[in-house]
Amino acid sequence: MPGFVHLHVHSSYSLLEGALTIARLAELAKADRQPALALTDTDNMFGALEFSDKMAAAGIQPIIGCALAIDFLDQDSGPRPGTGPMLERPRIVLLAARESGYRSLMRLNSRAFLETEPNEQPHLKLAWLEDESAGLIALTGGPGGPLDAAVLAGQAQLANGRCEALQRLFGDRRAGSRSSPATNRCSRAGRTTRPMMR
């Protein structure tokens, strides 16, 4: 049976968030007998090639991902330049499940920088995921995630809305179905707030 697989790892390519080199990540994952490891640096995929090479050489399956902020269109746009801090949007982790997902991830990462206003932090618009989600897996956990932040703020309706939006994009696609137990969980007034996309 496969052991633990870490799906949200930052490397030294995540400035101020990660200090480990990719070579060191490979050593640690091998020592821990992890069969795979996901690199999910914040706002960039700079380490993807090095990560793929070094993990494969160590006998570990590389999983390429990225942690990106997302605009659910449910927050105020924030202050204009010079009037205060930028709006902090919640982050989701996107993992490439196959080659098409990797290509989608590259396009989305580029759009986050190229199509964001200069006075805003790089982020995705929810609509951009409509045609790009097929080869991707979304993770919503963690204190900076879109569901946790809303729940901690006592905003169950906001969490449910975000959960349903993500479920629609990344949920159960078997037999053309858009409905799954996760969708039903989202609708229970915040009692269960995580879609089944861990």
Protein backbone atom coordinates (compact mmCIF):
# COMPACT_ATOMS: atom_id res chain seq x y z
CA MET A 1 0.00 0.00 0.00
CA PRO A 2 1.28 3.51 -0.79
CA GLY A 3 2.32 5.54 2.21
CA PHE A 4 1.85 9.22 2.90
CA VAL A 5 2.00 11.56 -0.11
CA HIS A 6 2.45 15.26 0.60
CA LEU A 7 0.29 17.24 -1.85
CA HIS A 8 1.14 20.81 -0.81
CA VAL A 9 4.90 21.40 -0.69
CA HIS A 10 6.72 24.70 -1.11
CA SER A 11 10.30 24.85 -2.31
CA SER A 12 12.81 27.68 -2.22
CA TYR A 13 11.02 28.99 -5.34
CA SER A 14 8.24 30.20 -3.01
CA LEU A 15 9.86 33.35 -1.67
CA LEU A 16 9.38 33.83 2.10
CA GLU A 17 7.42 30.56 2.28
CA GLY A 18 9.86 27.77 1.44
CA ALA A 19 13.53 27.27 2.21
CA LEU A 20 14.18 23.73 0.99
CA THR A 21 15.88 23.18 -2.32
CA ILE A 22 14.30 20.69 -4.69
CA ALA A 23 17.26 18.36 -4.25
CA ARG A 24 16.65 18.38 -0.49
CA LEU A 25 12.93 17.73 -1.02
CA ALA A 26 13.86 14.66 -3.07
CA GLU A 27 16.15 13.40 -0.29
CA LEU A 28 13.50 13.91 2.39
CA ALA A 29 10.72 12.29 0.35
CA LYS A 30 12.93 9.29 -0.39
CA ALA A 31 13.91 8.93 3.27
CA ASP A 32 10.22 9.09 4.21
CA ARG A 33 9.42 6.45 1.55
CA GLN A 34 6.88 8.68 -0.15
CA PRO A 35 5.92 7.18 -3.53
CA ALA A 36 5.01 10.64 -4.89
CA LEU A 37 5.30 14.30 -3.98
CA ALA A 38 3.51 17.44 -5.20
CA LEU A 39 5.31 20.73 -5.71
CA THR A 40 2.84 23.59 -5.18
CA ASP A 41 4.85 26.79 -5.03
CA THR A 42 2.91 30.02 -4.59
CA ASP A 43 2.14 31.91 -7.80
CA ASN A 44 4.80 30.18 -9.89
CA MET A 45 5.92 26.98 -11.59
CA PHE A 46 9.59 27.90 -11.87
CA GLY A 47 10.73 24.66 -10.25
CA ALA A 48 8.61 22.28 -12.35
CA LEU A 49 11.37 21.01 -14.66
CA GLU A 50 14.00 20.63 -11.94
CA PHE A 51 11.43 19.01 -9.66
CA SER A 52 10.37 16.50 -12.32
CA ASP A 53 13.98 15.55 -13.10
CA LYS A 54 15.11 15.19 -9.49
CA MET A 55 12.05 13.31 -8.27
CA ALA A 56 12.18 10.87 -11.18
CA ALA A 57 15.89 10.27 -10.54
CA ALA A 58 15.04 9.48 -6.90
CA GLY A 59 12.28 7.05 -7.93
CA ILE A 60 9.49 9.35 -6.75
CA GLN A 61 6.48 10.28 -8.87
CA PRO A 62 6.50 14.07 -9.37
CA ILE A 63 3.16 15.87 -9.20
CA ILE A 64 3.19 19.41 -10.55
CA GLY A 65 0.90 21.98 -9.01
CA CYS A 66 0.62 25.59 -7.98
CA ALA A 67 -1.05 27.60 -5.20
CA LEU A 68 -2.99 30.46 -6.77
CA ALA A 69 -5.31 33.12 -5.41
CA ILE A 70 -8.82 33.07 -6.82
CA ASP A 71 -11.48 35.74 -7.19
CA PHE A 72 -14.90 34.26 -6.40
CA LEU A 73 -16.51 37.67 -7.07
CA ASP A 74 -17.87 37.63 -3.53
CA GLN A 75 -15.46 40.13 -1.96
CA ASP A 76 -15.08 43.89 -2.27
CA SER A 77 -12.48 44.81 -4.88
CA GLY A 78 -10.35 46.51 -2.22
CA PRO A 79 -8.69 49.89 -1.99
CA ARG A 80 -7.22 51.84 -4.86
CA PRO A 81 -3.42 52.15 -5.05
CA GLY A 82 -1.98 54.13 -2.15
CA THR A 83 -5.14 53.89 -0.01
CA GLY A 84 -4.36 50.73 1.95
CA PRO A 85 -3.35 47.07 1.72
CA MET A 86 -4.29 44.97 -1.30
CA LEU A 87 -7.24 42.62 -1.05
CA GLU A 88 -6.18 39.16 0.15
CA ARG A 89 -7.98 36.59 -1.95
CA PRO A 90 -8.18 32.97 -0.82
CA ARG A 91 -5.86 30.43 -2.42
CA ILE A 92 -6.58 27.06 -3.91
CA VAL A 93 -4.01 24.44 -4.83
CA LEU A 94 -4.28 23.10 -8.35
CA LEU A 95 -2.57 19.80 -9.24
CA ALA A 96 -2.02 18.52 -12.76
CA ALA A 97 -3.64 15.08 -13.03
CA ARG A 98 -2.41 14.54 -16.59
CA GLU A 99 -0.69 16.38 -19.44
CA SER A 100 -3.77 18.42 -20.35
CA GLY A 101 -3.94 19.60 -16.74
CA TYR A 102 -0.30 20.64 -16.83
CA ARG A 103 -0.96 22.72 -19.93
CA SER A 104 -4.02 24.27 -18.26
CA LEU A 105 -1.96 25.06 -15.18
CA MET A 106 0.65 26.86 -17.29
CA ARG A 107 -2.03 28.91 -19.04
CA LEU A 108 -3.77 29.80 -15.78
CA ASN A 109 -0.50 30.75 -14.09
CA SER A 110 0.35 33.06 -16.99
CA ARG A 111 -3.08 34.66 -17.00
CA ALA A 112 -2.86 35.33 -13.27
CA PHE A 113 0.05 37.67 -13.99
CA LEU A 114 -0.66 38.96 -17.48
CA GLU A 115 -4.37 39.68 -17.07
CA THR A 116 -4.40 41.14 -13.56
CA GLU A 117 -4.46 44.88 -12.98
CA PRO A 118 -1.06 46.31 -11.93
CA ASN A 119 -2.45 47.43 -8.57
CA GLU A 120 -3.69 43.92 -7.71
CA GLN A 121 -1.92 40.75 -6.64
CA PRO A 122 -1.84 37.97 -9.27
CA HIS A 123 -5.01 35.89 -9.12
CA LEU A 124 -7.40 33.79 -11.17
CA LYS A 125 -10.95 34.69 -12.03
CA LEU A 126 -13.43 31.90 -11.38
CA ALA A 127 -14.63 32.03 -15.00
CA TRP A 128 -11.12 31.23 -16.27
CA LEU A 129 -11.44 27.76 -14.75
CA GLU A 130 -14.52 26.89 -16.81
CA ASP A 131 -12.54 25.49 -19.75
CA GLU A 132 -9.37 24.57 -17.86
CA SER A 133 -10.51 22.30 -15.02
CA ALA A 134 -10.76 18.94 -16.81
CA GLY A 135 -7.17 17.81 -16.18
CA LEU A 136 -6.80 19.45 -12.78
CA ILE A 137 -7.46 18.49 -9.17
CA ALA A 138 -8.33 21.29 -6.73
CA LEU A 139 -7.44 21.29 -3.04
CA THR A 140 -9.22 23.76 -0.77
CA GLY A 141 -7.74 22.99 2.65
CA GLY A 142 -5.57 25.10 4.87
CA PRO A 143 -6.10 28.37 6.71
CA GLY A 144 -5.74 30.40 3.52
CA GLY A 145 -8.26 28.29 1.63
CA PRO A 146 -11.58 29.68 0.38
CA LEU A 147 -13.72 27.50 2.63
CA ASP A 148 -11.74 27.61 5.88
CA ALA A 149 -11.46 31.39 5.84
CA ALA A 150 -15.20 31.80 5.36
CA VAL A 151 -16.07 29.25 8.05
CA LEU A 152 -13.70 30.85 10.56
CA ALA A 153 -15.33 34.20 9.86
CA GLY A 154 -18.75 32.68 10.62
CA GLN A 155 -19.89 33.05 6.99
CA ALA A 156 -21.46 29.66 6.27
CA GLN A 157 -23.42 30.98 3.28
CA LEU A 158 -20.22 32.30 1.70
CA ALA A 159 -18.49 28.94 2.30
CA ASN A 160 -21.42 27.08 0.75
CA GLY A 161 -21.41 29.31 -2.32
CA ARG A 162 -17.70 28.77 -2.86
CA CYS A 163 -18.01 25.05 -2.24
CA GLU A 164 -20.78 24.75 -4.83
CA ALA A 165 -18.80 26.78 -7.38
CA LEU A 166 -15.76 24.53 -6.96
CA GLN A 167 -17.90 21.39 -6.99
CA ARG A 168 -19.42 22.51 -10.29
CA LEU A 169 -15.94 23.00 -11.79
CA PHE A 170 -14.02 20.08 -10.27
CA GLY A 171 -16.70 17.71 -9.00
CA ASP A 172 -17.86 14.29 -10.12
CA ARG A 173 -17.74 14.02 -13.93
CA ARG A 174 -18.66 10.33 -14.14
CA ALA A 175 -21.55 9.57 -16.49
CA GLY A 176 -21.93 13.27 -17.22
CA SER A 177 -23.20 13.90 -13.70
CA ARG A 178 -22.88 17.33 -12.15
CA SER A 179 -24.31 16.20 -8.83
CA SER A 180 -22.61 14.14 -6.15
CA PRO A 181 -22.73 13.62 -2.38
CA ALA A 182 -20.29 16.52 -2.06
CA THR A 183 -22.82 18.88 -3.61
CA ASN A 184 -25.39 17.81 -1.04
CA ARG A 185 -22.90 18.36 1.77
CA CYS A 186 -22.25 21.90 0.55
CA SER A 187 -25.91 22.75 0.90
CA ARG A 188 -26.27 21.87 4.57
CA ALA A 189 -25.85 25.40 5.94
CA GLY A 190 -22.13 25.08 6.48
CA ARG A 191 -22.19 21.93 8.58
CA THR A 192 -19.87 20.30 6.05
CA THR A 193 -17.94 22.80 4.06
CA ARG A 194 -15.29 20.86 2.16
CA PRO A 195 -16.06 19.47 -1.26
CA MET A 196 -14.69 16.01 -1.94
CA MET A 197 -11.63 17.20 -3.85
CA ARG A 198 -8.80 16.69 -1.43
